[in-house]
Amino acid sequence: MPVDSLDLRLVAALQRLQALQRRADTDPDRGTLLPRALAELSTALAEMRLAQNQLIEHRHRIQELQTQLSDQQAKYWDLFDEMPDPCVVTRPDTTILEVNRAAAGLFNVSQRHLVGKPLSVYVCEDRARFVEESVRLAPKHDSVDLQLKLRPRERAPLAVHVRVRSDGASLRWILRSSDAAYSAARALA
């Protein structure tokens, strides 16, 4: 139930309670049961009001945290995307989760088309062994340096030095080409 709806219902319940209390005070045959029931109802409504206030505070805090998280994510993405070195984040099976602009340039494929594709597609060597090594590395929370030969789309293969770091759930790849033409093109970018 939305908090605003709860607020309206609570106000209406408090108004009904006040009307009942006025009637009970003027009714000569009210007995003891009605005042006790009204007192319990009053306590329950007070507790509801407190709970509602806590919900409102929690909602505001969650909204603040969501804003902070969104800002942090935007900062991370800007930093990641502007890195001069090609960077790729993959699952252990080499499916690309994130790719920066430099990596898209290296592979000669747009960033949005790389996400969801296996990194292994661009490896010139034994792809099955490459995927097996990636899966083996993933749970180790370690960093490994590799030499690979990659084949960008519609370009000649190139040798790259790769630093792969695992966080247990994903692999982060930083690629540095040893190819002079690529290095010169990157320096002009």
N, C-alpha and C. Protein backbone atom coordinates (compact mmCIF):
# COMPACT_ATOMS: atom_id res chain seq x y z
N MET A 1 0.85 -1.17 0.00
CA MET A 1 0.00 0.00 0.00
C MET A 1 0.90 1.23 0.00
N PRO A 2 0.63 2.19 -0.88
CA PRO A 2 1.44 3.40 -0.91
C PRO A 2 1.33 4.17 0.40
N VAL A 3 2.42 4.83 0.77
CA VAL A 3 2.45 5.57 2.03
C VAL A 3 1.42 6.68 2.03
N ASP A 4 1.20 7.36 0.90
CA ASP A 4 0.22 8.44 0.84
C ASP A 4 -1.19 7.92 1.10
N SER A 5 -1.51 6.76 0.58
CA SER A 5 -2.82 6.15 0.82
C SER A 5 -2.97 5.78 2.29
N LEU A 6 -1.89 5.27 2.87
CA LEU A 6 -1.90 4.94 4.29
C LEU A 6 -2.14 6.19 5.12
N ASP A 7 -1.56 7.30 4.73
CA ASP A 7 -1.73 8.56 5.44
C ASP A 7 -3.18 9.00 5.42
N LEU A 8 -3.82 8.92 4.24
CA LEU A 8 -5.23 9.32 4.13
C LEU A 8 -6.12 8.42 4.99
N ARG A 9 -5.88 7.13 4.96
CA ARG A 9 -6.67 6.21 5.77
C ARG A 9 -6.47 6.45 7.26
N LEU A 10 -5.25 6.75 7.63
CA LEU A 10 -4.95 7.00 9.04
C LEU A 10 -5.65 8.27 9.52
N VAL A 11 -5.66 9.32 8.73
CA VAL A 11 -6.35 10.56 9.09
C VAL A 11 -7.84 10.30 9.24
N ALA A 12 -8.42 9.56 8.32
CA ALA A 12 -9.86 9.25 8.40
C ALA A 12 -10.16 8.41 9.64
N ALA A 13 -9.28 7.44 9.96
CA ALA A 13 -9.50 6.61 11.15
C ALA A 13 -9.40 7.46 12.42
N LEU A 14 -8.47 8.38 12.45
CA LEU A 14 -8.35 9.26 13.63
C LEU A 14 -9.59 10.13 13.78
N GLN A 15 -10.15 10.62 12.69
CA GLN A 15 -11.37 11.43 12.76
C GLN A 15 -12.54 10.60 13.27
N ARG A 16 -12.65 9.35 12.79
CA ARG A 16 -13.72 8.47 13.28
C ARG A 16 -13.53 8.18 14.77
N LEU A 17 -12.29 7.98 15.21
CA LEU A 17 -12.01 7.72 16.61
C LEU A 17 -12.45 8.91 17.47
N GLN A 18 -12.12 10.12 17.04
CA GLN A 18 -12.51 11.31 17.80
C GLN A 18 -14.03 11.44 17.89
N ALA A 19 -14.72 11.12 16.80
CA ALA A 19 -16.18 11.18 16.81
C ALA A 19 -16.75 10.14 17.77
N LEU A 20 -16.17 8.93 17.78
CA LEU A 20 -16.62 7.89 18.71
C LEU A 20 -16.35 8.29 20.16
N GLN A 21 -15.20 8.91 20.40
CA GLN A 21 -14.88 9.33 21.77
C GLN A 21 -15.87 10.38 22.26
N ARG A 22 -16.23 11.33 21.39
CA ARG A 22 -17.22 12.35 21.77
C ARG A 22 -18.56 11.69 22.09
N ARG A 23 -18.97 10.71 21.27
CA ARG A 23 -20.23 10.01 21.52
C ARG A 23 -20.17 9.22 22.82
N ALA A 24 -19.05 8.58 23.08
CA ALA A 24 -18.91 7.77 24.29
C ALA A 24 -18.95 8.65 25.53
N ASP A 25 -18.37 9.85 25.45
CA ASP A 25 -18.37 10.77 26.60
C ASP A 25 -19.77 11.27 26.92
N THR A 26 -20.64 11.37 25.93
CA THR A 26 -21.99 11.90 26.15
C THR A 26 -23.04 10.81 26.33
N ASP A 27 -22.72 9.56 26.07
CA ASP A 27 -23.66 8.44 26.17
C ASP A 27 -23.73 7.97 27.62
N PRO A 28 -24.92 8.03 28.26
CA PRO A 28 -25.03 7.65 29.67
C PRO A 28 -24.86 6.14 29.89
N ASP A 29 -25.10 5.29 28.90
CA ASP A 29 -25.00 3.84 29.07
C ASP A 29 -23.72 3.27 28.43
N ARG A 30 -22.72 4.02 28.43
CA ARG A 30 -21.52 3.59 27.69
C ARG A 30 -20.81 2.42 28.34
N GLY A 31 -20.90 2.23 29.62
CA GLY A 31 -20.27 1.11 30.30
C GLY A 31 -18.75 1.26 30.30
N THR A 32 -18.09 0.18 30.61
CA THR A 32 -16.63 0.23 30.68
C THR A 32 -15.96 -0.37 29.44
N LEU A 33 -16.70 -1.17 28.70
CA LEU A 33 -16.11 -1.82 27.54
C LEU A 33 -15.76 -0.84 26.43
N LEU A 34 -16.67 0.06 26.15
CA LEU A 34 -16.44 1.01 25.07
C LEU A 34 -15.23 1.90 25.33
N PRO A 35 -15.07 2.49 26.50
CA PRO A 35 -13.88 3.33 26.74
C PRO A 35 -12.58 2.52 26.63
N ARG A 36 -12.61 1.29 27.12
CA ARG A 36 -11.41 0.45 27.02
C ARG A 36 -11.09 0.14 25.55
N ALA A 37 -12.12 -0.19 24.76
CA ALA A 37 -11.91 -0.47 23.34
C ALA A 37 -11.40 0.77 22.61
N LEU A 38 -11.95 1.92 22.96
CA LEU A 38 -11.49 3.16 22.32
C LEU A 38 -10.05 3.48 22.71
N ALA A 39 -9.68 3.20 23.95
CA ALA A 39 -8.30 3.42 24.39
C ALA A 39 -7.35 2.51 23.62
N GLU A 40 -7.73 1.26 23.44
CA GLU A 40 -6.89 0.33 22.67
C GLU A 40 -6.80 0.76 21.21
N LEU A 41 -7.90 1.21 20.67
CA LEU A 41 -7.90 1.69 19.30
C LEU A 41 -7.01 2.92 19.17
N SER A 42 -7.07 3.79 20.14
CA SER A 42 -6.23 4.99 20.14
C SER A 42 -4.75 4.61 20.16
N THR A 43 -4.40 3.63 20.98
CA THR A 43 -3.01 3.16 21.05
C THR A 43 -2.59 2.55 19.72
N ALA A 44 -3.46 1.74 19.13
CA ALA A 44 -3.14 1.11 17.85
C ALA A 44 -2.94 2.16 16.76
N LEU A 45 -3.79 3.18 16.74
CA LEU A 45 -3.64 4.22 15.74
C LEU A 45 -2.36 5.02 15.96
N ALA A 46 -2.00 5.25 17.20
CA ALA A 46 -0.74 5.96 17.49
C ALA A 46 0.45 5.13 17.00
N GLU A 47 0.37 3.83 17.20
CA GLU A 47 1.45 2.96 16.71
C GLU A 47 1.50 2.97 15.18
N MET A 48 0.32 3.00 14.55
CA MET A 48 0.28 3.08 13.09
C MET A 48 0.91 4.37 12.60
N ARG A 49 0.62 5.47 13.29
CA ARG A 49 1.18 6.77 12.90
C ARG A 49 2.71 6.72 13.00
N LEU A 50 3.22 6.13 14.07
CA LEU A 50 4.67 6.00 14.24
C LEU A 50 5.26 5.14 13.11
N ALA A 51 4.60 4.04 12.81
CA ALA A 51 5.07 3.16 11.73
C ALA A 51 5.05 3.89 10.39
N GLN A 52 4.01 4.67 10.18
CA GLN A 52 3.92 5.44 8.94
C GLN A 52 5.06 6.44 8.85
N ASN A 53 5.35 7.13 9.92
CA ASN A 53 6.46 8.10 9.92
C ASN A 53 7.79 7.40 9.64
N GLN A 54 7.96 6.23 10.21
CA GLN A 54 9.18 5.47 9.95
C GLN A 54 9.25 5.05 8.48
N LEU A 55 8.12 4.64 7.92
CA LEU A 55 8.08 4.28 6.50
C LEU A 55 8.45 5.47 5.61
N ILE A 56 7.94 6.63 5.96
CA ILE A 56 8.24 7.83 5.18
C ILE A 56 9.74 8.14 5.26
N GLU A 57 10.30 8.04 6.46
CA GLU A 57 11.74 8.28 6.63
C GLU A 57 12.55 7.27 5.82
N HIS A 58 12.14 6.00 5.88
CA HIS A 58 12.85 4.96 5.12
C HIS A 58 12.74 5.20 3.62
N ARG A 59 11.56 5.61 3.18
CA ARG A 59 11.37 5.88 1.75
C ARG A 59 12.29 7.01 1.29
N HIS A 60 12.37 8.08 2.09
CA HIS A 60 13.26 9.20 1.73
C HIS A 60 14.72 8.74 1.72
N ARG A 61 15.10 7.92 2.69
CA ARG A 61 16.48 7.43 2.74
C ARG A 61 16.79 6.54 1.54
N ILE A 62 15.84 5.69 1.17
CA ILE A 62 16.04 4.83 0.00
C ILE A 62 16.17 5.68 -1.26
N GLN A 63 15.36 6.71 -1.39
CA GLN A 63 15.46 7.59 -2.55
C GLN A 63 16.82 8.28 -2.58
N GLU A 64 17.32 8.73 -1.43
CA GLU A 64 18.64 9.35 -1.37
C GLU A 64 19.72 8.35 -1.78
N LEU A 65 19.62 7.12 -1.26
CA LEU A 65 20.60 6.10 -1.60
C LEU A 65 20.55 5.74 -3.08
N GLN A 66 19.34 5.68 -3.65
CA GLN A 66 19.22 5.39 -5.08
C GLN A 66 19.86 6.50 -5.91
N THR A 67 19.68 7.73 -5.49
CA THR A 67 20.31 8.86 -6.20
C THR A 67 21.82 8.77 -6.09
N GLN A 68 22.32 8.48 -4.88
CA GLN A 68 23.77 8.35 -4.70
C GLN A 68 24.32 7.20 -5.53
N LEU A 69 23.61 6.09 -5.54
CA LEU A 69 24.05 4.93 -6.31
C LEU A 69 24.06 5.24 -7.80
N SER A 70 23.05 5.93 -8.28
CA SER A 70 22.99 6.31 -9.68
C SER A 70 24.15 7.25 -10.03
N ASP A 71 24.45 8.20 -9.14
CA ASP A 71 25.58 9.10 -9.37
C ASP A 71 26.90 8.34 -9.40
N GLN A 72 27.06 7.40 -8.46
CA GLN A 72 28.29 6.59 -8.43
C GLN A 72 28.43 5.75 -9.69
N GLN A 73 27.33 5.19 -10.14
CA GLN A 73 27.36 4.37 -11.35
C GLN A 73 27.74 5.22 -12.56
N ALA A 74 27.21 6.43 -12.64
CA ALA A 74 27.55 7.33 -13.75
C ALA A 74 29.04 7.70 -13.70
N LYS A 75 29.56 7.96 -12.51
CA LYS A 75 30.99 8.28 -12.37
C LYS A 75 31.84 7.10 -12.78
N TYR A 76 31.47 5.91 -12.33
CA TYR A 76 32.20 4.69 -12.70
C TYR A 76 32.20 4.53 -14.21
N TRP A 77 31.03 4.65 -14.82
CA TRP A 77 30.94 4.44 -16.26
C TRP A 77 31.79 5.47 -17.01
N ASP A 78 31.73 6.74 -16.59
CA ASP A 78 32.54 7.77 -17.25
C ASP A 78 34.02 7.44 -17.15
N LEU A 79 34.46 7.05 -15.97
CA LEU A 79 35.87 6.70 -15.77
C LEU A 79 36.24 5.49 -16.62
N PHE A 80 35.42 4.46 -16.58
CA PHE A 80 35.67 3.24 -17.33
C PHE A 80 35.70 3.52 -18.83
N ASP A 81 34.72 4.26 -19.31
CA ASP A 81 34.60 4.49 -20.74
C ASP A 81 35.70 5.39 -21.29
N GLU A 82 36.23 6.28 -20.47
CA GLU A 82 37.26 7.21 -20.93
C GLU A 82 38.68 6.67 -20.77
N MET A 83 38.83 5.50 -20.19
CA MET A 83 40.18 4.95 -20.04
C MET A 83 40.83 4.79 -21.40
N PRO A 84 42.11 5.15 -21.51
CA PRO A 84 42.77 5.03 -22.81
C PRO A 84 43.06 3.58 -23.21
N ASP A 85 43.21 2.70 -22.24
CA ASP A 85 43.46 1.29 -22.54
C ASP A 85 42.13 0.57 -22.76
N PRO A 86 42.11 -0.34 -23.72
CA PRO A 86 40.91 -1.15 -23.93
C PRO A 86 40.61 -2.01 -22.68
N CYS A 87 39.40 -1.91 -22.19
CA CYS A 87 38.97 -2.67 -21.01
C CYS A 87 37.67 -3.38 -21.31
N VAL A 88 37.60 -4.63 -20.85
CA VAL A 88 36.41 -5.45 -21.06
C VAL A 88 36.12 -6.18 -19.75
N VAL A 89 34.85 -6.24 -19.39
CA VAL A 89 34.40 -7.03 -18.24
C VAL A 89 33.56 -8.17 -18.80
N THR A 90 33.91 -9.39 -18.40
CA THR A 90 33.19 -10.56 -18.92
C THR A 90 32.75 -11.48 -17.79
N ARG A 91 31.85 -12.38 -18.14
CA ARG A 91 31.55 -13.51 -17.27
C ARG A 91 32.71 -14.49 -17.41
N PRO A 92 32.78 -15.49 -16.55
CA PRO A 92 33.84 -16.50 -16.71
C PRO A 92 33.84 -17.19 -18.07
N ASP A 93 32.66 -17.31 -18.70
CA ASP A 93 32.59 -17.96 -20.02
C ASP A 93 32.98 -17.01 -21.16
N THR A 94 33.48 -15.84 -20.83
CA THR A 94 33.95 -14.76 -21.72
C THR A 94 32.83 -13.95 -22.37
N THR A 95 31.59 -14.12 -21.95
CA THR A 95 30.51 -13.27 -22.46
C THR A 95 30.75 -11.85 -21.96
N ILE A 96 30.77 -10.90 -22.87
CA ILE A 96 31.09 -9.51 -22.53
C ILE A 96 29.91 -8.86 -21.82
N LEU A 97 30.20 -8.28 -20.65
CA LEU A 97 29.20 -7.56 -19.86
C LEU A 97 29.34 -6.05 -20.06
N GLU A 98 30.58 -5.58 -20.08
CA GLU A 98 30.86 -4.15 -20.25
C GLU A 98 32.10 -4.03 -21.12
N VAL A 99 32.14 -2.96 -21.89
CA VAL A 99 33.28 -2.72 -22.76
C VAL A 99 33.44 -1.21 -22.90
N ASN A 100 34.68 -0.73 -22.81
CA ASN A 100 34.85 0.71 -22.95
C ASN A 100 35.08 1.08 -24.42
N ARG A 101 35.13 2.38 -24.65
CA ARG A 101 35.25 2.92 -26.00
C ARG A 101 36.55 2.45 -26.68
N ALA A 102 37.65 2.43 -25.91
CA ALA A 102 38.94 2.02 -26.49
C ALA A 102 38.89 0.56 -26.95
N ALA A 103 38.21 -0.29 -26.19
CA ALA A 103 38.09 -1.70 -26.59
C ALA A 103 37.23 -1.82 -27.85
N ALA A 104 36.17 -1.05 -27.92
CA ALA A 104 35.33 -1.07 -29.13
C ALA A 104 36.16 -0.67 -30.34
N GLY A 105 37.03 0.32 -30.16
CA GLY A 105 37.92 0.73 -31.24
C GLY A 105 38.90 -0.37 -31.61
N LEU A 106 39.43 -1.04 -30.60
CA LEU A 106 40.37 -2.13 -30.85
C LEU A 106 39.71 -3.26 -31.65
N PHE A 107 38.50 -3.64 -31.26
CA PHE A 107 37.80 -4.73 -31.93
C PHE A 107 37.09 -4.28 -33.21
N ASN A 108 37.03 -2.97 -33.43
CA ASN A 108 36.38 -2.41 -34.61
C ASN A 108 34.89 -2.78 -34.65
N VAL A 109 34.27 -2.73 -33.46
CA VAL A 109 32.85 -3.04 -33.31
C VAL A 109 32.29 -2.05 -32.28
N SER A 110 31.07 -1.60 -32.48
CA SER A 110 30.48 -0.64 -31.53
C SER A 110 30.30 -1.31 -30.16
N GLN A 111 30.33 -0.48 -29.12
CA GLN A 111 30.20 -0.99 -27.75
C GLN A 111 28.90 -1.78 -27.58
N ARG A 112 27.82 -1.26 -28.07
CA ARG A 112 26.53 -1.93 -27.85
C ARG A 112 26.46 -3.28 -28.55
N HIS A 113 27.22 -3.45 -29.65
CA HIS A 113 27.22 -4.73 -30.34
C HIS A 113 28.16 -5.74 -29.69
N LEU A 114 29.11 -5.25 -28.91
CA LEU A 114 30.03 -6.17 -28.23
C LEU A 114 29.40 -6.80 -26.99
N VAL A 115 28.57 -6.03 -26.29
CA VAL A 115 27.95 -6.54 -25.06
C VAL A 115 27.06 -7.74 -25.40
N GLY A 116 27.29 -8.83 -24.67
CA GLY A 116 26.54 -10.06 -24.89
C GLY A 116 27.25 -11.05 -25.80
N LYS A 117 28.28 -10.58 -26.49
CA LYS A 117 29.05 -11.47 -27.37
C LYS A 117 30.21 -12.08 -26.58
N PRO A 118 30.67 -13.27 -26.97
CA PRO A 118 31.82 -13.86 -26.29
C PRO A 118 33.12 -13.20 -26.76
N LEU A 119 33.97 -12.86 -25.80
CA LEU A 119 35.28 -12.32 -26.11
C LEU A 119 36.10 -13.34 -26.91
N SER A 120 35.84 -14.60 -26.65
CA SER A 120 36.59 -15.68 -27.31
C SER A 120 36.46 -15.64 -28.83
N VAL A 121 35.41 -15.02 -29.36
CA VAL A 121 35.23 -14.92 -30.80
C VAL A 121 36.39 -14.16 -31.45
N TYR A 122 36.99 -13.26 -30.69
CA TYR A 122 38.06 -12.42 -31.25
C TYR A 122 39.45 -13.01 -31.00
N VAL A 123 39.52 -14.16 -30.36
CA VAL A 123 40.81 -14.79 -30.07
C VAL A 123 41.19 -15.68 -31.26
N CYS A 124 42.41 -15.51 -31.74
CA CYS A 124 42.86 -16.28 -32.92
C CYS A 124 43.31 -17.69 -32.55
N GLU A 125 43.75 -17.87 -31.31
CA GLU A 125 44.28 -19.17 -30.90
C GLU A 125 43.16 -20.12 -30.55
N ASP A 126 43.48 -21.21 -29.89
CA ASP A 126 42.52 -22.23 -29.48
C ASP A 126 41.45 -21.62 -28.58
N ARG A 127 40.28 -21.37 -29.12
CA ARG A 127 39.21 -20.69 -28.39
C ARG A 127 38.69 -21.53 -27.23
N ALA A 128 38.58 -22.84 -27.43
CA ALA A 128 38.07 -23.71 -26.36
C ALA A 128 39.01 -23.65 -25.16
N ARG A 129 40.31 -23.68 -25.40
CA ARG A 129 41.28 -23.60 -24.31
C ARG A 129 41.21 -22.23 -23.64
N PHE A 130 41.01 -21.18 -24.43
CA PHE A 130 40.89 -19.83 -23.90
C PHE A 130 39.70 -19.73 -22.94
N VAL A 131 38.56 -20.29 -23.34
CA VAL A 131 37.37 -20.27 -22.48
C VAL A 131 37.62 -21.11 -21.22
N GLU A 132 38.23 -22.28 -21.38
CA GLU A 132 38.54 -23.13 -20.21
C GLU A 132 39.43 -22.39 -19.22
N GLU A 133 40.44 -21.70 -19.72
CA GLU A 133 41.34 -20.93 -18.84
C GLU A 133 40.58 -19.81 -18.14
N SER A 134 39.67 -19.17 -18.84
CA SER A 134 38.88 -18.09 -18.26
C SER A 134 38.00 -18.61 -17.13
N VAL A 135 37.35 -19.74 -17.37
CA VAL A 135 36.48 -20.36 -16.36
C VAL A 135 37.32 -20.80 -15.15
N ARG A 136 38.49 -21.32 -15.41
CA ARG A 136 39.39 -21.76 -14.33
C ARG A 136 39.88 -20.58 -13.49
N LEU A 137 40.14 -19.46 -14.14
CA LEU A 137 40.66 -18.27 -13.46
C LEU A 137 39.60 -17.57 -12.60
N ALA A 138 38.35 -17.62 -13.02
CA ALA A 138 37.28 -16.83 -12.40
C ALA A 138 37.18 -16.96 -10.88
N PRO A 139 37.17 -18.15 -10.30
CA PRO A 139 36.97 -18.22 -8.84
C PRO A 139 38.21 -17.89 -8.02
N LYS A 140 39.34 -17.62 -8.65
CA LYS A 140 40.60 -17.48 -7.93
C LYS A 140 40.86 -16.11 -7.30
N HIS A 141 40.10 -15.10 -7.63
CA HIS A 141 40.34 -13.75 -7.10
C HIS A 141 41.81 -13.37 -7.28
N ASP A 142 42.27 -13.53 -8.48
CA ASP A 142 43.69 -13.35 -8.77
C ASP A 142 43.85 -12.52 -10.03
N SER A 143 45.10 -12.15 -10.31
CA SER A 143 45.43 -11.40 -11.51
C SER A 143 46.45 -12.21 -12.30
N VAL A 144 46.26 -12.26 -13.62
CA VAL A 144 47.14 -13.05 -14.48
C VAL A 144 47.48 -12.21 -15.71
N ASP A 145 48.73 -12.30 -16.17
CA ASP A 145 49.15 -11.66 -17.41
C ASP A 145 49.21 -12.71 -18.51
N LEU A 146 48.67 -12.37 -19.68
CA LEU A 146 48.63 -13.28 -20.82
C LEU A 146 49.12 -12.57 -22.08
N GLN A 147 49.55 -13.34 -23.02
CA GLN A 147 49.83 -12.85 -24.37
C GLN A 147 48.83 -13.54 -25.29
N LEU A 148 48.08 -12.74 -26.04
CA LEU A 148 47.08 -13.30 -26.95
C LEU A 148 47.23 -12.69 -28.32
N LYS A 149 46.68 -13.38 -29.27
CA LYS A 149 46.57 -12.85 -30.62
C LYS A 149 45.08 -12.67 -30.87
N LEU A 150 44.68 -11.41 -31.10
CA LEU A 150 43.27 -11.09 -31.33
C LEU A 150 43.05 -10.72 -32.78
N ARG A 151 41.86 -10.98 -33.23
CA ARG A 151 41.50 -10.60 -34.59
C ARG A 151 40.29 -9.68 -34.53
N PRO A 152 40.53 -8.37 -34.66
CA PRO A 152 39.42 -7.42 -34.73
C PRO A 152 38.61 -7.64 -36.01
N ARG A 153 37.41 -7.16 -36.01
CA ARG A 153 36.55 -7.29 -37.19
C ARG A 153 37.16 -6.51 -38.36
N GLU A 154 37.29 -7.18 -39.49
CA GLU A 154 37.78 -6.60 -40.75
C GLU A 154 39.17 -5.96 -40.62
N ARG A 155 39.98 -6.50 -39.71
CA ARG A 155 41.35 -6.03 -39.54
C ARG A 155 42.27 -7.23 -39.38
N ALA A 156 43.54 -6.96 -39.54
CA ALA A 156 44.54 -8.03 -39.37
C ALA A 156 44.69 -8.38 -37.90
N PRO A 157 45.04 -9.62 -37.60
CA PRO A 157 45.27 -10.02 -36.21
C PRO A 157 46.38 -9.18 -35.58
N LEU A 158 46.31 -9.02 -34.27
CA LEU A 158 47.35 -8.29 -33.57
C LEU A 158 47.65 -8.94 -32.24
N ALA A 159 48.89 -8.82 -31.84
CA ALA A 159 49.32 -9.39 -30.55
C ALA A 159 49.01 -8.39 -29.46
N VAL A 160 48.48 -8.90 -28.35
CA VAL A 160 48.15 -8.04 -27.22
C VAL A 160 48.66 -8.66 -25.92
N HIS A 161 49.05 -7.77 -25.03
CA HIS A 161 49.37 -8.17 -23.67
C HIS A 161 48.08 -7.92 -22.87
N VAL A 162 47.67 -8.91 -22.11
CA VAL A 162 46.40 -8.83 -21.38
C VAL A 162 46.66 -9.06 -19.90
N ARG A 163 46.09 -8.18 -19.08
CA ARG A 163 46.06 -8.41 -17.64
C ARG A 163 44.62 -8.72 -17.31
N VAL A 164 44.41 -9.91 -16.74
CA VAL A 164 43.07 -10.37 -16.37
C VAL A 164 43.00 -10.43 -14.86
N ARG A 165 41.96 -9.81 -14.30
CA ARG A 165 41.75 -9.84 -12.85
C ARG A 165 40.36 -10.38 -12.60
N SER A 166 40.28 -11.29 -11.64
CA SER A 166 39.00 -11.91 -11.30
C SER A 166 38.50 -11.36 -9.96
N ASP A 167 37.20 -11.15 -9.88
CA ASP A 167 36.59 -10.80 -8.59
C ASP A 167 35.70 -11.93 -8.10
N GLY A 168 35.82 -13.08 -8.72
CA GLY A 168 35.03 -14.25 -8.34
C GLY A 168 33.80 -14.45 -9.20
N ALA A 169 33.18 -13.34 -9.63
CA ALA A 169 31.97 -13.44 -10.44
C ALA A 169 32.21 -13.00 -11.88
N SER A 170 33.20 -12.13 -12.07
CA SER A 170 33.48 -11.63 -13.42
C SER A 170 34.98 -11.49 -13.60
N LEU A 171 35.36 -11.31 -14.86
CA LEU A 171 36.76 -11.11 -15.20
C LEU A 171 36.90 -9.72 -15.81
N ARG A 172 37.93 -9.01 -15.39
CA ARG A 172 38.22 -7.68 -15.94
C ARG A 172 39.50 -7.78 -16.76
N TRP A 173 39.39 -7.43 -18.01
CA TRP A 173 40.48 -7.57 -18.97
C TRP A 173 40.98 -6.18 -19.36
N ILE A 174 42.29 -5.95 -19.22
CA ILE A 174 42.92 -4.75 -19.73
C ILE A 174 43.86 -5.20 -20.83
N LEU A 175 43.66 -4.68 -22.02
CA LEU A 175 44.41 -5.13 -23.20
C LEU A 175 45.37 -4.03 -23.65
N ARG A 176 46.59 -4.41 -23.91
CA ARG A 176 47.58 -3.46 -24.43
C ARG A 176 48.22 -4.10 -25.66
N SER A 177 48.06 -3.42 -26.75
CA SER A 177 48.59 -3.97 -27.99
C SER A 177 50.08 -3.73 -28.09
N SER A 178 50.76 -4.72 -28.64
CA SER A 178 52.18 -4.55 -28.93
C SER A 178 52.35 -4.18 -30.40
N ASP A 179 51.23 -4.06 -31.11
CA ASP A 179 51.24 -3.70 -32.52
C ASP A 179 51.51 -2.20 -32.68
N ALA A 180 52.51 -1.84 -33.44
CA ALA A 180 52.93 -0.44 -33.59
C ALA A 180 51.83 0.40 -34.24
N ALA A 181 51.13 -0.13 -35.24
CA ALA A 181 50.08 0.63 -35.92
C ALA A 181 48.95 0.97 -34.95
N TYR A 182 48.57 0.00 -34.13
CA TYR A 182 47.50 0.26 -33.17
C TYR A 182 47.95 1.29 -32.14
N SER A 183 49.17 1.16 -31.65
CA SER A 183 49.69 2.09 -30.65
C SER A 183 49.75 3.50 -31.20
N ALA A 184 50.13 3.65 -32.47
CA ALA A 184 50.18 4.97 -33.09
C ALA A 184 48.77 5.55 -33.24
N ALA A 185 47.82 4.73 -33.64
CA ALA A 185 46.43 5.19 -33.78
C ALA A 185 45.86 5.60 -32.43
N ARG A 186 46.21 4.87 -31.40
CA ARG A 186 45.71 5.19 -30.06
C ARG A 186 46.32 6.50 -29.57
N ALA A 187 47.56 6.76 -29.90
CA ALA A 187 48.21 7.99 -29.48
C ALA A 187 47.55 9.21 -30.15
N LEU A 188 47.01 9.04 -31.35
CA LEU A 188 46.33 10.14 -32.04
C LEU A 188 44.93 10.37 -31.52
N ALA A 189 44.34 9.37 -30.90
CA ALA A 189 42.94 9.48 -30.43
C ALA A 189 42.80 10.40 -29.25
